[in-house]
All heavy atoms as atom14 arrays in JSON, in Angstrom:
{
  "sequence": "LVLIGTALFVLVSHAQLAGQRGINSQNPQNPQQNPQAR",
  "atom14_mask": [
    [1, 1, 1, 1, 1, 1, 1, 1, 0, 0, 0, 0, 0, 0],
    [1, 1, 1, 1, 1, 1, 1, 0, 0, 0, 0, 0, 0, 0],
    [1, 1, 1, 1, 1, 1, 1, 1, 0, 0, 0, 0, 0, 0],
    [1, 1, 1, 1, 1, 1, 1, 1, 0, 0, 0, 0, 0, 0],
    [1, 1, 1, 1, 0, 0, 0, 0, 0, 0, 0, 0, 0, 0],
    [1, 1, 1, 1, 1, 1, 1, 0, 0, 0, 0, 0, 0, 0],
    [1, 1, 1, 1, 1, 0, 0, 0, 0, 0, 0, 0, 0, 0],
    [1, 1, 1, 1, 1, 1, 1, 1, 0, 0, 0, 0, 0, 0],
    [1, 1, 1, 1, 1, 1, 1, 1, 1, 1, 1, 0, 0, 0],
    [1, 1, 1, 1, 1, 1, 1, 0, 0, 0, 0, 0, 0, 0],
    [1, 1, 1, 1, 1, 1, 1, 1, 0, 0, 0, 0, 0, 0],
    [1, 1, 1, 1, 1, 1, 1, 0, 0, 0, 0, 0, 0, 0],
    [1, 1, 1, 1, 1, 1, 0, 0, 0, 0, 0, 0, 0, 0],
    [1, 1, 1, 1, 1, 1, 1, 1, 1, 1, 0, 0, 0, 0],
    [1, 1, 1, 1, 1, 0, 0, 0, 0, 0, 0, 0, 0, 0],
    [1, 1, 1, 1, 1, 1, 1, 1, 1, 0, 0, 0, 0, 0],
    [1, 1, 1, 1, 1, 1, 1, 1, 0, 0, 0, 0, 0, 0],
    [1, 1, 1, 1, 1, 0, 0, 0, 0, 0, 0, 0, 0, 0],
    [1, 1, 1, 1, 0, 0, 0, 0, 0, 0, 0, 0, 0, 0],
    [1, 1, 1, 1, 1, 1, 1, 1, 1, 0, 0, 0, 0, 0],
    [1, 1, 1, 1, 1, 1, 1, 1, 1, 1, 1, 0, 0, 0],
    [1, 1, 1, 1, 0, 0, 0, 0, 0, 0, 0, 0, 0, 0],
    [1, 1, 1, 1, 1, 1, 1, 1, 0, 0, 0, 0, 0, 0],
    [1, 1, 1, 1, 1, 1, 1, 1, 0, 0, 0, 0, 0, 0],
    [1, 1, 1, 1, 1, 1, 0, 0, 0, 0, 0, 0, 0, 0],
    [1, 1, 1, 1, 1, 1, 1, 1, 1, 0, 0, 0, 0, 0],
    [1, 1, 1, 1, 1, 1, 1, 1, 0, 0, 0, 0, 0, 0],
    [1, 1, 1, 1, 1, 1, 1, 0, 0, 0, 0, 0, 0, 0],
    [1, 1, 1, 1, 1, 1, 1, 1, 1, 0, 0, 0, 0, 0],
    [1, 1, 1, 1, 1, 1, 1, 1, 0, 0, 0, 0, 0, 0],
    [1, 1, 1, 1, 1, 1, 1, 0, 0, 0, 0, 0, 0, 0],
    [1, 1, 1, 1, 1, 1, 1, 1, 1, 0, 0, 0, 0, 0],
    [1, 1, 1, 1, 1, 1, 1, 1, 1, 0, 0, 0, 0, 0],
    [1, 1, 1, 1, 1, 1, 1, 1, 0, 0, 0, 0, 0, 0],
    [1, 1, 1, 1, 1, 1, 1, 0, 0, 0, 0, 0, 0, 0],
    [1, 1, 1, 1, 1, 1, 1, 1, 1, 0, 0, 0, 0, 0],
    [1, 1, 1, 1, 1, 0, 0, 0, 0, 0, 0, 0, 0, 0],
    [1, 1, 1, 1, 1, 1, 1, 1, 1, 1, 1, 0, 0, 0]
  ],
  "atom14_positions": [
    [[76.39, 97.08, 92.33], [76.61, 98.49, 91.97], [77.97, 98.98, 92.48], [78.67, 99.75, 91.81], [75.5, 99.35, 92.56], [74.11, 99.18, 91.9], [73.06, 100.0, 92.65], [74.16, 99.59, 90.43], [0.0, 0.0, 0.0], [0.0, 0.0, 0.0], [0.0, 0.0, 0.0], [0.0, 0.0, 0.0], [0.0, 0.0, 0.0], [0.0, 0.0, 0.0]],
    [[78.37, 98.55, 93.65], [79.68, 98.94, 94.19], [80.8, 98.39, 93.32], [81.78, 99.07, 93.02], [79.82, 98.46, 95.65], [81.26, 98.61, 96.13], [78.88, 99.23, 96.55], [0.0, 0.0, 0.0], [0.0, 0.0, 0.0], [0.0, 0.0, 0.0], [0.0, 0.0, 0.0], [0.0, 0.0, 0.0], [0.0, 0.0, 0.0], [0.0, 0.0, 0.0]],
    [[80.64, 97.13, 92.87], [81.67, 96.54, 92.0], [81.8, 97.3, 90.7], [82.9, 97.57, 90.21], [81.33, 95.07, 91.72], [81.56, 94.07, 92.86], [81.13, 92.66, 92.4], [83.03, 94.06, 93.25], [0.0, 0.0, 0.0], [0.0, 0.0, 0.0], [0.0, 0.0, 0.0], [0.0, 0.0, 0.0], [0.0, 0.0, 0.0], [0.0, 0.0, 0.0]],
    [[80.65, 97.66, 90.1], [80.68, 98.4, 88.82], [81.34, 99.76, 89.02], [82.17, 100.21, 88.21], [79.24, 98.57, 88.28], [78.66, 97.2, 87.9], [79.24, 99.5, 87.07], [77.2, 97.24, 87.49], [0.0, 0.0, 0.0], [0.0, 0.0, 0.0], [0.0, 0.0, 0.0], [0.0, 0.0, 0.0], [0.0, 0.0, 0.0], [0.0, 0.0, 0.0]],
    [[81.01, 100.45, 90.1], [81.61, 101.77, 90.36], [83.11, 101.67, 90.56], [83.88, 102.5, 90.06], [0.0, 0.0, 0.0], [0.0, 0.0, 0.0], [0.0, 0.0, 0.0], [0.0, 0.0, 0.0], [0.0, 0.0, 0.0], [0.0, 0.0, 0.0], [0.0, 0.0, 0.0], [0.0, 0.0, 0.0], [0.0, 0.0, 0.0], [0.0, 0.0, 0.0]],
    [[83.53, 100.64, 91.28], [84.97, 100.46, 91.5], [85.7, 100.2, 90.19], [86.79, 100.74, 89.93], [85.21, 99.3, 92.47], [84.52, 99.57, 93.7], [86.69, 99.1, 92.74], [0.0, 0.0, 0.0], [0.0, 0.0, 0.0], [0.0, 0.0, 0.0], [0.0, 0.0, 0.0], [0.0, 0.0, 0.0], [0.0, 0.0, 0.0], [0.0, 0.0, 0.0]],
    [[85.11, 99.37, 89.33], [85.75, 99.06, 88.05], [85.88, 100.31, 87.2], [86.9, 100.54, 86.55], [84.93, 97.99, 87.32], [0.0, 0.0, 0.0], [0.0, 0.0, 0.0], [0.0, 0.0, 0.0], [0.0, 0.0, 0.0], [0.0, 0.0, 0.0], [0.0, 0.0, 0.0], [0.0, 0.0, 0.0], [0.0, 0.0, 0.0], [0.0, 0.0, 0.0]],
    [[84.79, 101.13, 87.15], [84.86, 102.37, 86.37], [85.93, 103.31, 86.91], [86.67, 103.95, 86.15], [83.48, 103.07, 86.4], [82.37, 102.38, 85.6], [81.03, 103.09, 85.84], [82.71, 102.38, 84.09], [0.0, 0.0, 0.0], [0.0, 0.0, 0.0], [0.0, 0.0, 0.0], [0.0, 0.0, 0.0], [0.0, 0.0, 0.0], [0.0, 0.0, 0.0]],
    [[86.07, 103.41, 88.24], [87.09, 104.27, 88.83], [88.49, 103.82, 88.44], [89.36, 104.63, 88.11], [86.91, 104.27, 90.35], [87.97, 105.05, 91.07], [87.91, 106.44, 91.14], [89.05, 104.4, 91.67], [88.88, 107.15, 91.8], [90.02, 105.11, 92.32], [89.94, 106.49, 92.39], [0.0, 0.0, 0.0], [0.0, 0.0, 0.0], [0.0, 0.0, 0.0]],
    [[88.72, 102.52, 88.49], [90.04, 101.99, 88.12], [90.36, 102.27, 86.67], [91.47, 102.67, 86.3], [90.11, 100.48, 88.42], [91.38, 99.87, 87.84], [90.05, 100.25, 89.92], [0.0, 0.0, 0.0], [0.0, 0.0, 0.0], [0.0, 0.0, 0.0], [0.0, 0.0, 0.0], [0.0, 0.0, 0.0], [0.0, 0.0, 0.0], [0.0, 0.0, 0.0]],
    [[89.39, 102.09, 85.78], [89.62, 102.33, 84.36], [89.94, 103.8, 84.08], [90.85, 104.12, 83.32], [88.39, 101.9, 83.55], [88.14, 100.39, 83.46], [86.8, 100.09, 82.75], [89.28, 99.7, 82.7], [0.0, 0.0, 0.0], [0.0, 0.0, 0.0], [0.0, 0.0, 0.0], [0.0, 0.0, 0.0], [0.0, 0.0, 0.0], [0.0, 0.0, 0.0]],
    [[89.18, 104.71, 84.69], [89.43, 106.14, 84.48], [90.79, 106.53, 85.02], [91.54, 107.26, 84.39], [88.31, 106.98, 85.15], [88.67, 108.47, 85.13], [86.99, 106.74, 84.44], [0.0, 0.0, 0.0], [0.0, 0.0, 0.0], [0.0, 0.0, 0.0], [0.0, 0.0, 0.0], [0.0, 0.0, 0.0], [0.0, 0.0, 0.0], [0.0, 0.0, 0.0]],
    [[91.12, 106.04, 86.21], [92.42, 106.38, 86.8], [93.57, 105.88, 85.94], [94.58, 106.57, 85.74], [92.53, 105.79, 88.21], [91.52, 106.31, 89.04], [0.0, 0.0, 0.0], [0.0, 0.0, 0.0], [0.0, 0.0, 0.0], [0.0, 0.0, 0.0], [0.0, 0.0, 0.0], [0.0, 0.0, 0.0], [0.0, 0.0, 0.0], [0.0, 0.0, 0.0]],
    [[93.45, 104.68, 85.39], [94.48, 104.12, 84.54], [94.66, 104.95, 83.28], [95.77, 105.21, 82.83], [94.14, 102.67, 84.2], [95.14, 102.06, 83.25], [96.4, 101.67, 83.66], [95.05, 101.79, 81.91], [97.05, 101.18, 82.62], [96.27, 101.25, 81.56], [0.0, 0.0, 0.0], [0.0, 0.0, 0.0], [0.0, 0.0, 0.0], [0.0, 0.0, 0.0]],
    [[93.52, 105.41, 82.7], [93.6, 106.22, 81.49], [94.28, 107.54, 81.76], [95.1, 108.03, 80.98], [92.19, 106.46, 80.92], [0.0, 0.0, 0.0], [0.0, 0.0, 0.0], [0.0, 0.0, 0.0], [0.0, 0.0, 0.0], [0.0, 0.0, 0.0], [0.0, 0.0, 0.0], [0.0, 0.0, 0.0], [0.0, 0.0, 0.0], [0.0, 0.0, 0.0]],
    [[93.95, 108.17, 82.92], [94.59, 109.43, 83.26], [96.08, 109.24, 83.48], [96.9, 110.04, 83.01], [93.93, 110.0, 84.52], [92.52, 110.5, 84.3], [91.88, 110.99, 85.59], [92.38, 110.68, 86.68], [90.81, 111.73, 85.46], [0.0, 0.0, 0.0], [0.0, 0.0, 0.0], [0.0, 0.0, 0.0], [0.0, 0.0, 0.0], [0.0, 0.0, 0.0]],
    [[96.45, 108.19, 84.18], [97.85, 107.93, 84.44], [98.6, 107.65, 83.16], [99.71, 108.12, 82.94], [98.0, 106.76, 85.43], [99.43, 106.39, 85.84], [100.08, 107.57, 86.55], [99.44, 105.15, 86.72], [0.0, 0.0, 0.0], [0.0, 0.0, 0.0], [0.0, 0.0, 0.0], [0.0, 0.0, 0.0], [0.0, 0.0, 0.0], [0.0, 0.0, 0.0]],
    [[97.97, 106.89, 82.27], [98.61, 106.59, 80.99], [98.82, 107.86, 80.19], [99.84, 108.04, 79.53], [97.75, 105.59, 80.2], [0.0, 0.0, 0.0], [0.0, 0.0, 0.0], [0.0, 0.0, 0.0], [0.0, 0.0, 0.0], [0.0, 0.0, 0.0], [0.0, 0.0, 0.0], [0.0, 0.0, 0.0], [0.0, 0.0, 0.0], [0.0, 0.0, 0.0]],
    [[97.82, 108.77, 80.23], [97.98, 110.02, 79.5], [99.11, 110.85, 80.04], [99.87, 111.47, 79.31], [0.0, 0.0, 0.0], [0.0, 0.0, 0.0], [0.0, 0.0, 0.0], [0.0, 0.0, 0.0], [0.0, 0.0, 0.0], [0.0, 0.0, 0.0], [0.0, 0.0, 0.0], [0.0, 0.0, 0.0], [0.0, 0.0, 0.0], [0.0, 0.0, 0.0]],
    [[99.26, 110.86, 81.38], [100.34, 111.62, 81.98], [101.69, 111.07, 81.59], [102.66, 111.8, 81.49], [100.18, 111.61, 83.51], [98.96, 112.41, 84.0], [98.73, 112.21, 85.47], [99.41, 111.43, 86.13], [97.73, 112.91, 86.0], [0.0, 0.0, 0.0], [0.0, 0.0, 0.0], [0.0, 0.0, 0.0], [0.0, 0.0, 0.0], [0.0, 0.0, 0.0]],
    [[101.81, 109.78, 81.41], [103.08, 109.16, 81.07], [103.33, 109.14, 79.56], [104.35, 108.64, 79.11], [103.13, 107.72, 81.6], [103.16, 107.66, 83.13], [103.15, 106.23, 83.6], [103.24, 106.17, 85.05], [103.17, 105.03, 85.74], [103.0, 103.88, 85.11], [103.25, 105.04, 87.05], [0.0, 0.0, 0.0], [0.0, 0.0, 0.0], [0.0, 0.0, 0.0]],
    [[102.39, 109.68, 78.81], [102.6, 109.72, 77.36], [102.39, 108.39, 76.67], [102.95, 108.14, 75.61], [0.0, 0.0, 0.0], [0.0, 0.0, 0.0], [0.0, 0.0, 0.0], [0.0, 0.0, 0.0], [0.0, 0.0, 0.0], [0.0, 0.0, 0.0], [0.0, 0.0, 0.0], [0.0, 0.0, 0.0], [0.0, 0.0, 0.0], [0.0, 0.0, 0.0]],
    [[101.6, 107.51, 77.26], [101.38, 106.22, 76.62], [99.91, 106.04, 76.25], [99.46, 104.93, 75.99], [101.83, 105.06, 77.54], [101.09, 105.11, 78.89], [103.33, 105.11, 77.79], [101.37, 103.9, 79.78], [0.0, 0.0, 0.0], [0.0, 0.0, 0.0], [0.0, 0.0, 0.0], [0.0, 0.0, 0.0], [0.0, 0.0, 0.0], [0.0, 0.0, 0.0]],
    [[99.16, 107.13, 76.2], [97.77, 107.06, 75.77], [97.74, 106.64, 74.3], [98.51, 107.12, 73.48], [97.12, 108.44, 75.95], [95.61, 108.37, 75.79], [95.12, 107.79, 74.83], [94.9, 108.98, 76.72], [0.0, 0.0, 0.0], [0.0, 0.0, 0.0], [0.0, 0.0, 0.0], [0.0, 0.0, 0.0], [0.0, 0.0, 0.0], [0.0, 0.0, 0.0]],
    [[96.86, 105.78, 73.96], [96.81, 105.27, 72.58], [96.51, 106.38, 71.59], [96.8, 106.24, 70.41], [95.75, 104.16, 72.48], [94.47, 104.69, 72.83], [0.0, 0.0, 0.0], [0.0, 0.0, 0.0], [0.0, 0.0, 0.0], [0.0, 0.0, 0.0], [0.0, 0.0, 0.0], [0.0, 0.0, 0.0], [0.0, 0.0, 0.0], [0.0, 0.0, 0.0]],
    [[95.9, 107.51, 72.09], [95.61, 108.61, 71.18], [96.76, 109.62, 71.11], [96.67, 110.59, 70.38], [94.34, 109.33, 71.67], [93.11, 108.43, 71.75], [92.79, 107.83, 70.39], [92.88, 108.52, 69.39], [92.41, 106.55, 70.37], [0.0, 0.0, 0.0], [0.0, 0.0, 0.0], [0.0, 0.0, 0.0], [0.0, 0.0, 0.0], [0.0, 0.0, 0.0]],
    [[97.82, 109.38, 71.88], [98.95, 110.31, 71.92], [99.86, 110.05, 70.73], [100.43, 108.97, 70.62], [99.73, 110.12, 73.23], [100.81, 111.18, 73.4], [101.1, 111.93, 72.47], [101.4, 111.22, 74.59], [0.0, 0.0, 0.0], [0.0, 0.0, 0.0], [0.0, 0.0, 0.0], [0.0, 0.0, 0.0], [0.0, 0.0, 0.0], [0.0, 0.0, 0.0]],
    [[100.04, 111.01, 69.81], [100.89, 110.77, 68.64], [102.34, 110.59, 69.02], [103.12, 110.09, 68.2], [100.69, 112.03, 67.79], [100.26, 113.08, 68.77], [99.47, 112.37, 69.8], [0.0, 0.0, 0.0], [0.0, 0.0, 0.0], [0.0, 0.0, 0.0], [0.0, 0.0, 0.0], [0.0, 0.0, 0.0], [0.0, 0.0, 0.0], [0.0, 0.0, 0.0]],
    [[102.76, 110.98, 70.24], [104.14, 110.82, 70.63], [104.39, 109.47, 71.31], [105.48, 109.21, 71.79], [104.54, 111.94, 71.61], [104.45, 113.34, 71.0], [105.38, 113.49, 69.82], [106.47, 112.96, 69.83], [104.93, 114.19, 68.78], [0.0, 0.0, 0.0], [0.0, 0.0, 0.0], [0.0, 0.0, 0.0], [0.0, 0.0, 0.0], [0.0, 0.0, 0.0]],
    [[103.37, 108.65, 71.35], [103.51, 107.34, 71.97], [104.56, 106.53, 71.23], [104.41, 106.22, 70.05], [102.15, 106.63, 71.93], [102.22, 105.24, 72.56], [103.23, 104.89, 73.16], [101.13, 104.49, 72.4], [0.0, 0.0, 0.0], [0.0, 0.0, 0.0], [0.0, 0.0, 0.0], [0.0, 0.0, 0.0], [0.0, 0.0, 0.0], [0.0, 0.0, 0.0]],
    [[105.68, 106.15, 71.89], [106.73, 105.41, 71.18], [106.27, 104.05, 70.68], [106.84, 103.52, 69.73], [107.84, 105.29, 72.23], [107.16, 105.47, 73.55], [106.02, 106.37, 73.3], [0.0, 0.0, 0.0], [0.0, 0.0, 0.0], [0.0, 0.0, 0.0], [0.0, 0.0, 0.0], [0.0, 0.0, 0.0], [0.0, 0.0, 0.0], [0.0, 0.0, 0.0]],
    [[105.24, 103.49, 71.33], [104.75, 102.21, 70.83], [104.02, 102.37, 69.52], [104.08, 101.5, 68.65], [103.82, 101.58, 71.88], [104.5, 101.32, 73.24], [105.57, 100.27, 73.11], [105.49, 99.41, 72.22], [106.57, 100.31, 73.98], [0.0, 0.0, 0.0], [0.0, 0.0, 0.0], [0.0, 0.0, 0.0], [0.0, 0.0, 0.0], [0.0, 0.0, 0.0]],
    [[103.29, 103.51, 69.36], [102.54, 103.75, 68.14], [103.38, 104.44, 67.07], [103.13, 104.27, 65.89], [101.32, 104.64, 68.48], [100.39, 104.02, 69.53], [99.69, 102.8, 69.0], [99.43, 102.7, 67.8], [99.37, 101.84, 69.88], [0.0, 0.0, 0.0], [0.0, 0.0, 0.0], [0.0, 0.0, 0.0], [0.0, 0.0, 0.0], [0.0, 0.0, 0.0]],
    [[104.36, 105.22, 67.51], [105.18, 105.98, 66.56], [106.65, 105.8, 66.91], [107.22, 106.57, 67.67], [104.79, 107.47, 66.62], [105.55, 108.27, 65.57], [106.25, 107.71, 64.74], [105.39, 109.59, 65.62], [0.0, 0.0, 0.0], [0.0, 0.0, 0.0], [0.0, 0.0, 0.0], [0.0, 0.0, 0.0], [0.0, 0.0, 0.0], [0.0, 0.0, 0.0]],
    [[107.31, 104.77, 66.39], [108.69, 104.48, 66.75], [109.62, 105.65, 66.47], [110.62, 105.83, 67.15], [109.04, 103.26, 65.88], [107.73, 102.66, 65.51], [106.77, 103.79, 65.43], [0.0, 0.0, 0.0], [0.0, 0.0, 0.0], [0.0, 0.0, 0.0], [0.0, 0.0, 0.0], [0.0, 0.0, 0.0], [0.0, 0.0, 0.0], [0.0, 0.0, 0.0]],
    [[109.34, 106.48, 65.45], [110.23, 107.58, 65.11], [110.22, 108.65, 66.19], [111.1, 109.5, 66.25], [109.83, 108.19, 63.77], [110.03, 107.22, 62.6], [109.65, 107.87, 61.28], [109.09, 108.96, 61.26], [109.97, 107.2, 60.2], [0.0, 0.0, 0.0], [0.0, 0.0, 0.0], [0.0, 0.0, 0.0], [0.0, 0.0, 0.0], [0.0, 0.0, 0.0]],
    [[109.19, 108.66, 67.03], [109.08, 109.68, 68.06], [109.72, 109.26, 69.38], [109.62, 109.95, 70.37], [107.61, 110.01, 68.32], [0.0, 0.0, 0.0], [0.0, 0.0, 0.0], [0.0, 0.0, 0.0], [0.0, 0.0, 0.0], [0.0, 0.0, 0.0], [0.0, 0.0, 0.0], [0.0, 0.0, 0.0], [0.0, 0.0, 0.0], [0.0, 0.0, 0.0]],
    [[110.4, 108.1, 69.39], [111.03, 107.65, 70.63], [112.13, 108.61, 71.05], [112.91, 109.06, 70.22], [111.62, 106.25, 70.43], [110.56, 105.18, 70.21], [111.19, 103.83, 70.01], [110.18, 102.82, 69.74], [110.47, 101.55, 69.47], [111.7, 101.14, 69.45], [109.48, 100.71, 69.24], [0.0, 0.0, 0.0], [0.0, 0.0, 0.0], [0.0, 0.0, 0.0]]
  ]
}
C-alpha cells in the first residue's frame, strides 16, 4: 500500500509540474503538440 501511494503521489506531482511548464499533453500551447505555437 505504501508503494502504491508513493507511485500515485509521484504521478500527480509530475502532471502538476508539467502543467506549470506548459508541457501538459492537453495544453494547446504545447510546442511538441503544436509547432506553430513555439
